[in-house]
Amino acid sequence: MAHDAAAPSHLPACHCPAAIAWRRDFPAGAGLVGARDVMLALGGLFLAAFLAATLVPAQSEAVLLGMILGATHPVWLLLAVATLGNVLGSVVNWVLGRFLFRFSGRRWFPVSQAQIGRAAGWYGRWGYWSLLGAWLPVVGDPLTLVAGMLREPFWRFALLVTLAKGGRYLALAALAAGRG
């Protein structure tokens, strides 16, 4: 069996598209410093995207755009990390809505009654399709909370939110490519 030069000799070579892209974008000789820098940058992007999707005010688009324009990481990897972080942040909102909504009147609860009312109205009008607006400012994060409150099945929630948030990041990357 042939072995890949970048893989340890006891492991078989992998010729799947993702492995080929990884080897092209991160050569074996990059060293630990390069790997550490990559992990710190990607971890920062993940954290920005995660926080931006929770009810904590944060901005992930600026971080992603800066990293895309910096051209130090493959765009496919940046999109995957940002989407994963953003979707997992929305899952936190869904869980809050599903299990902690009974505390919504408390001062520490991260969403106001007005935001919940606006999102519930949107959700009442459009149903689960409203989750395609989860990327929108102001109403998007409360929508994911309301989805949990209304016991939206997790599989449908995750699918629609991933499409919405991944699509937003893909559109941002396309805009950046047009300017680059």
Protein backbone atom coordinates (compact mmCIF):
# COMPACT_ATOMS: atom_id res chain seq x y z
CA MET A 1 0.00 0.00 0.00
CA ALA A 2 1.32 3.45 -0.90
CA HIS A 3 2.05 5.87 1.90
CA ASP A 4 1.57 9.60 1.91
CA ALA A 5 4.73 11.60 2.60
CA ALA A 6 2.83 13.83 5.07
CA ALA A 7 1.36 10.90 7.04
CA PRO A 8 3.24 8.72 9.52
CA SER A 9 4.55 5.57 7.83
CA HIS A 10 2.28 3.26 9.84
CA LEU A 11 -0.87 4.97 8.49
CA PRO A 12 -2.23 4.33 5.00
CA ALA A 13 -2.44 7.25 2.60
CA CYS A 14 -5.78 8.98 2.33
CA HIS A 15 -6.69 10.31 -1.07
CA CYS A 16 -10.08 11.82 -0.23
CA PRO A 17 -10.61 15.43 -1.38
CA ALA A 18 -10.52 16.84 2.15
CA ALA A 19 -7.19 15.16 2.96
CA ILE A 20 -5.68 16.29 -0.34
CA ALA A 21 -6.81 19.88 0.32
CA TRP A 22 -5.45 19.73 3.89
CA ARG A 23 -2.02 18.52 2.69
CA ARG A 24 -1.94 21.23 0.01
CA ASP A 25 -2.88 24.01 2.42
CA PHE A 26 -0.86 22.83 5.41
CA PRO A 27 2.36 21.15 4.28
CA ALA A 28 4.02 18.67 6.64
CA GLY A 29 7.06 20.91 7.15
CA ALA A 30 5.04 23.85 8.53
CA GLY A 31 6.28 23.01 12.04
CA LEU A 32 4.75 23.46 15.48
CA VAL A 33 4.86 27.24 15.41
CA GLY A 34 2.81 27.28 12.22
CA ALA A 35 0.38 24.74 13.65
CA ARG A 36 0.01 26.72 16.89
CA ASP A 37 -0.66 29.93 14.97
CA VAL A 38 -3.23 28.16 12.80
CA MET A 39 -5.01 26.74 15.83
CA LEU A 40 -5.03 30.11 17.64
CA ALA A 41 -6.42 31.90 14.60
CA LEU A 42 -9.07 29.27 13.96
CA GLY A 43 -9.91 29.11 17.67
CA GLY A 44 -10.40 32.88 17.71
CA LEU A 45 -12.69 32.68 14.69
CA PHE A 46 -14.66 29.83 16.29
CA LEU A 47 -15.05 31.80 19.54
CA ALA A 48 -16.14 34.97 17.72
CA ALA A 49 -18.71 33.02 15.68
CA PHE A 50 -19.93 31.10 18.74
CA LEU A 51 -20.39 34.24 20.84
CA ALA A 52 -22.04 36.12 17.96
CA ALA A 53 -24.70 33.41 17.72
CA THR A 54 -25.46 33.38 21.42
CA LEU A 55 -27.28 36.24 23.01
CA VAL A 56 -23.93 37.92 23.81
CA PRO A 57 -23.29 40.88 21.51
CA ALA A 58 -20.32 40.00 19.28
CA GLN A 59 -19.31 40.39 15.64
CA SER A 60 -18.07 37.36 13.71
CA GLU A 61 -18.38 38.72 10.18
CA ALA A 62 -15.56 41.21 10.68
CA VAL A 63 -13.27 38.49 12.02
CA LEU A 64 -14.09 36.14 9.14
CA LEU A 65 -13.72 38.87 6.53
CA GLY A 66 -10.34 39.91 7.95
CA MET A 67 -9.11 36.33 7.84
CA ILE A 68 -10.39 35.79 4.30
CA LEU A 69 -8.75 38.99 3.06
CA GLY A 70 -5.56 38.11 4.95
CA ALA A 71 -5.34 34.98 2.77
CA THR A 72 -3.39 33.03 5.37
CA HIS A 73 -5.91 30.19 5.66
CA PRO A 74 -7.96 28.30 3.08
CA VAL A 75 -11.40 29.84 2.69
CA TRP A 76 -13.16 26.46 2.93
CA LEU A 77 -11.63 25.92 6.37
CA LEU A 78 -12.58 29.41 7.58
CA LEU A 79 -16.16 28.89 6.39
CA ALA A 80 -16.37 25.51 8.12
CA VAL A 81 -15.00 26.83 11.44
CA ALA A 82 -17.19 29.95 11.43
CA THR A 83 -20.32 28.00 10.52
CA LEU A 84 -19.66 25.35 13.17
CA GLY A 85 -19.08 27.97 15.87
CA ASN A 86 -22.14 29.97 14.87
CA VAL A 87 -24.43 26.94 14.72
CA LEU A 88 -23.22 25.67 18.11
CA GLY A 89 -23.89 29.12 19.57
CA SER A 90 -27.44 28.88 18.23
CA VAL A 91 -27.76 25.45 19.82
CA VAL A 92 -27.03 27.12 23.17
CA ASN A 93 -29.98 29.46 22.51
CA TRP A 94 -32.21 26.52 21.57
CA VAL A 95 -31.26 24.75 24.82
CA LEU A 96 -31.92 27.94 26.81
CA GLY A 97 -35.34 28.21 25.22
CA ARG A 98 -36.10 24.55 25.67
CA PHE A 99 -35.04 24.14 29.29
CA LEU A 100 -34.52 27.56 30.90
CA PHE A 101 -37.34 29.70 29.51
CA ARG A 102 -39.20 29.51 32.81
CA PHE A 103 -36.59 32.01 34.07
CA SER A 104 -37.29 34.54 31.29
CA GLY A 105 -38.73 37.16 33.64
CA ARG A 106 -35.55 37.32 35.68
CA ARG A 107 -33.19 40.27 35.33
CA TRP A 108 -30.20 38.07 34.37
CA PHE A 109 -32.03 36.32 31.50
CA PRO A 110 -30.20 37.35 28.30
CA VAL A 111 -33.27 38.25 26.17
CA SER A 112 -35.86 40.93 26.86
CA GLN A 113 -39.58 40.22 26.72
CA ALA A 114 -39.83 42.58 23.72
CA GLN A 115 -37.23 40.58 21.77
CA ILE A 116 -38.99 37.33 22.63
CA GLY A 117 -42.32 38.79 21.55
CA ARG A 118 -40.91 39.99 18.22
CA ALA A 119 -39.27 36.64 17.52
CA ALA A 120 -42.37 34.71 18.60
CA GLY A 121 -44.48 36.80 16.21
CA TRP A 122 -42.09 36.07 13.36
CA TYR A 123 -42.05 32.39 14.28
CA GLY A 124 -45.84 32.31 14.56
CA ARG A 125 -46.21 33.77 11.09
CA TRP A 126 -43.58 31.72 9.23
CA GLY A 127 -43.27 28.59 11.39
CA TYR A 128 -40.03 26.64 11.32
CA TRP A 129 -39.07 28.28 8.00
CA SER A 130 -38.38 31.42 10.02
CA LEU A 131 -35.18 29.71 11.17
CA LEU A 132 -33.74 30.56 7.76
CA GLY A 133 -33.62 34.09 9.21
CA ALA A 134 -31.43 32.98 12.12
CA TRP A 135 -28.53 34.92 10.57
CA LEU A 136 -30.42 38.24 10.69
CA PRO A 137 -29.35 40.93 13.14
CA VAL A 138 -31.65 41.73 16.10
CA VAL A 139 -34.27 39.00 15.48
CA GLY A 140 -32.04 36.03 14.50
CA ASP A 141 -30.70 35.07 17.93
CA PRO A 142 -34.07 35.39 19.69
CA LEU A 143 -35.58 33.25 16.89
CA THR A 144 -33.32 30.38 17.89
CA LEU A 145 -34.36 30.83 21.52
CA VAL A 146 -38.05 30.82 20.55
CA ALA A 147 -37.49 27.65 18.50
CA GLY A 148 -36.37 25.94 21.70
CA MET A 149 -39.31 27.38 23.65
CA LEU A 150 -41.72 26.04 21.06
CA ARG A 151 -39.97 22.67 21.11
CA GLU A 152 -38.87 22.71 17.49
CA PRO A 153 -37.37 19.27 16.76
CA PHE A 154 -33.61 19.53 17.09
CA TRP A 155 -32.82 17.87 13.74
CA ARG A 156 -34.91 20.41 11.80
CA PHE A 157 -33.57 23.29 13.89
CA ALA A 158 -29.96 22.25 13.25
CA LEU A 159 -30.53 21.74 9.53
CA LEU A 160 -32.24 25.08 8.88
CA VAL A 161 -29.89 27.09 11.10
CA THR A 162 -26.84 25.49 9.46
CA LEU A 163 -28.17 26.35 6.00
CA ALA A 164 -28.92 29.93 7.05
CA LYS A 165 -25.68 30.65 8.86
CA GLY A 166 -23.46 28.76 6.43
CA GLY A 167 -25.18 30.55 3.54
CA ARG A 168 -24.53 33.93 5.11
CA TYR A 169 -20.82 33.18 5.54
CA LEU A 170 -20.63 31.79 2.00
CA ALA A 171 -22.17 35.00 0.64
CA LEU A 172 -19.67 37.05 2.66
CA ALA A 173 -16.79 34.99 1.25
CA ALA A 174 -18.12 35.50 -2.28
CA LEU A 175 -18.26 39.25 -1.71
CA ALA A 176 -14.71 39.19 -0.35
CA ALA A 177 -13.52 37.20 -3.38
CA GLY A 178 -15.05 39.82 -5.67
CA ARG A 179 -13.06 42.53 -3.91
CA GLY A 180 -9.83 40.51 -3.67
